[in-house]
Amino acid sequence: MASKTNPLAFLQQVRSETSKVTWPSRRETLISTAMVLVMVVFAALFFFAADQLISWLLSFVLNVGK
């Protein structure tokens, strides 16, 4: 069974651990955000193209028997 920690001690530990975090610079954050947006656009275009191709192939196959 885990022992209970005093809430004040817990907050002190959280503050201590937070001070050890290396936060990214503004430039790093902007670059990462731009990279994510570019990858989202590429993924959206890829899935749109794949969906259109599958739709075209399905309609072609289903209309062959008519």
Protein backbone atom coordinates (compact mmCIF):
# COMPACT_ATOMS: atom_id res chain seq x y z
CA MET A 1 0.00 0.00 0.00
CA ALA A 2 1.39 3.40 -0.97
CA SER A 3 1.99 5.88 1.81
CA LYS A 4 0.10 9.17 1.72
CA THR A 5 2.13 12.26 0.97
CA ASN A 6 1.50 15.55 2.68
CA PRO A 7 -0.16 17.91 0.10
CA LEU A 8 2.37 20.65 0.89
CA ALA A 9 5.28 18.25 0.40
CA PHE A 10 3.69 17.04 -2.84
CA LEU A 11 3.46 20.59 -4.19
CA GLN A 12 7.09 21.22 -3.24
CA GLN A 13 8.11 18.05 -5.11
CA VAL A 14 6.10 19.12 -8.15
CA ARG A 15 7.74 22.53 -8.13
CA SER A 16 11.18 20.93 -7.79
CA GLU A 17 10.56 18.57 -10.69
CA THR A 18 9.07 21.33 -12.87
CA SER A 19 12.21 23.41 -12.41
CA LYS A 20 14.23 20.55 -13.97
CA VAL A 21 12.23 20.64 -17.20
CA THR A 22 14.00 22.05 -20.25
CA TRP A 23 11.35 24.12 -22.00
CA PRO A 24 11.65 24.68 -25.77
CA SER A 25 12.41 28.15 -27.04
CA ARG A 26 9.81 30.16 -28.94
CA ARG A 27 11.63 29.44 -32.21
CA GLU A 28 11.67 25.68 -31.54
CA THR A 29 7.97 25.76 -30.72
CA LEU A 30 7.12 27.65 -33.92
CA ILE A 31 9.21 25.30 -36.07
CA SER A 32 7.61 22.24 -34.49
CA THR A 33 4.14 23.72 -34.99
CA ALA A 34 4.87 24.47 -38.65
CA MET A 35 6.19 20.94 -39.19
CA VAL A 36 3.06 19.43 -37.65
CA LEU A 37 0.81 21.60 -39.82
CA VAL A 38 2.71 20.64 -42.99
CA MET A 39 2.47 16.94 -42.11
CA VAL A 40 -1.28 17.28 -41.42
CA VAL A 41 -1.78 18.89 -44.84
CA PHE A 42 0.24 16.12 -46.55
CA ALA A 43 -1.71 13.42 -44.69
CA ALA A 44 -5.03 15.06 -45.58
CA LEU A 45 -4.06 15.27 -49.27
CA PHE A 46 -2.86 11.66 -49.28
CA PHE A 47 -6.04 10.32 -47.69
CA PHE A 48 -8.21 12.47 -49.95
CA ALA A 49 -6.42 11.08 -53.01
CA ALA A 50 -6.65 7.51 -51.71
CA ASP A 51 -10.36 7.95 -50.98
CA GLN A 52 -11.01 9.36 -54.46
CA LEU A 53 -9.07 6.51 -56.10
CA ILE A 54 -10.92 3.83 -54.12
CA SER A 55 -14.25 5.54 -54.88
CA TRP A 56 -13.43 5.65 -58.59
CA LEU A 57 -12.31 2.00 -58.65
CA LEU A 58 -15.40 0.86 -56.75
CA SER A 59 -17.77 2.73 -59.04
CA PHE A 60 -15.91 1.36 -62.08
CA VAL A 61 -16.15 -2.24 -60.82
CA LEU A 62 -19.81 -1.91 -59.84
CA ASN A 63 -20.79 -0.34 -63.18
CA VAL A 64 -19.01 -2.95 -65.32
CA GLY A 65 -21.91 -5.39 -65.03
CA LYS A 66 -24.53 -2.93 -66.24
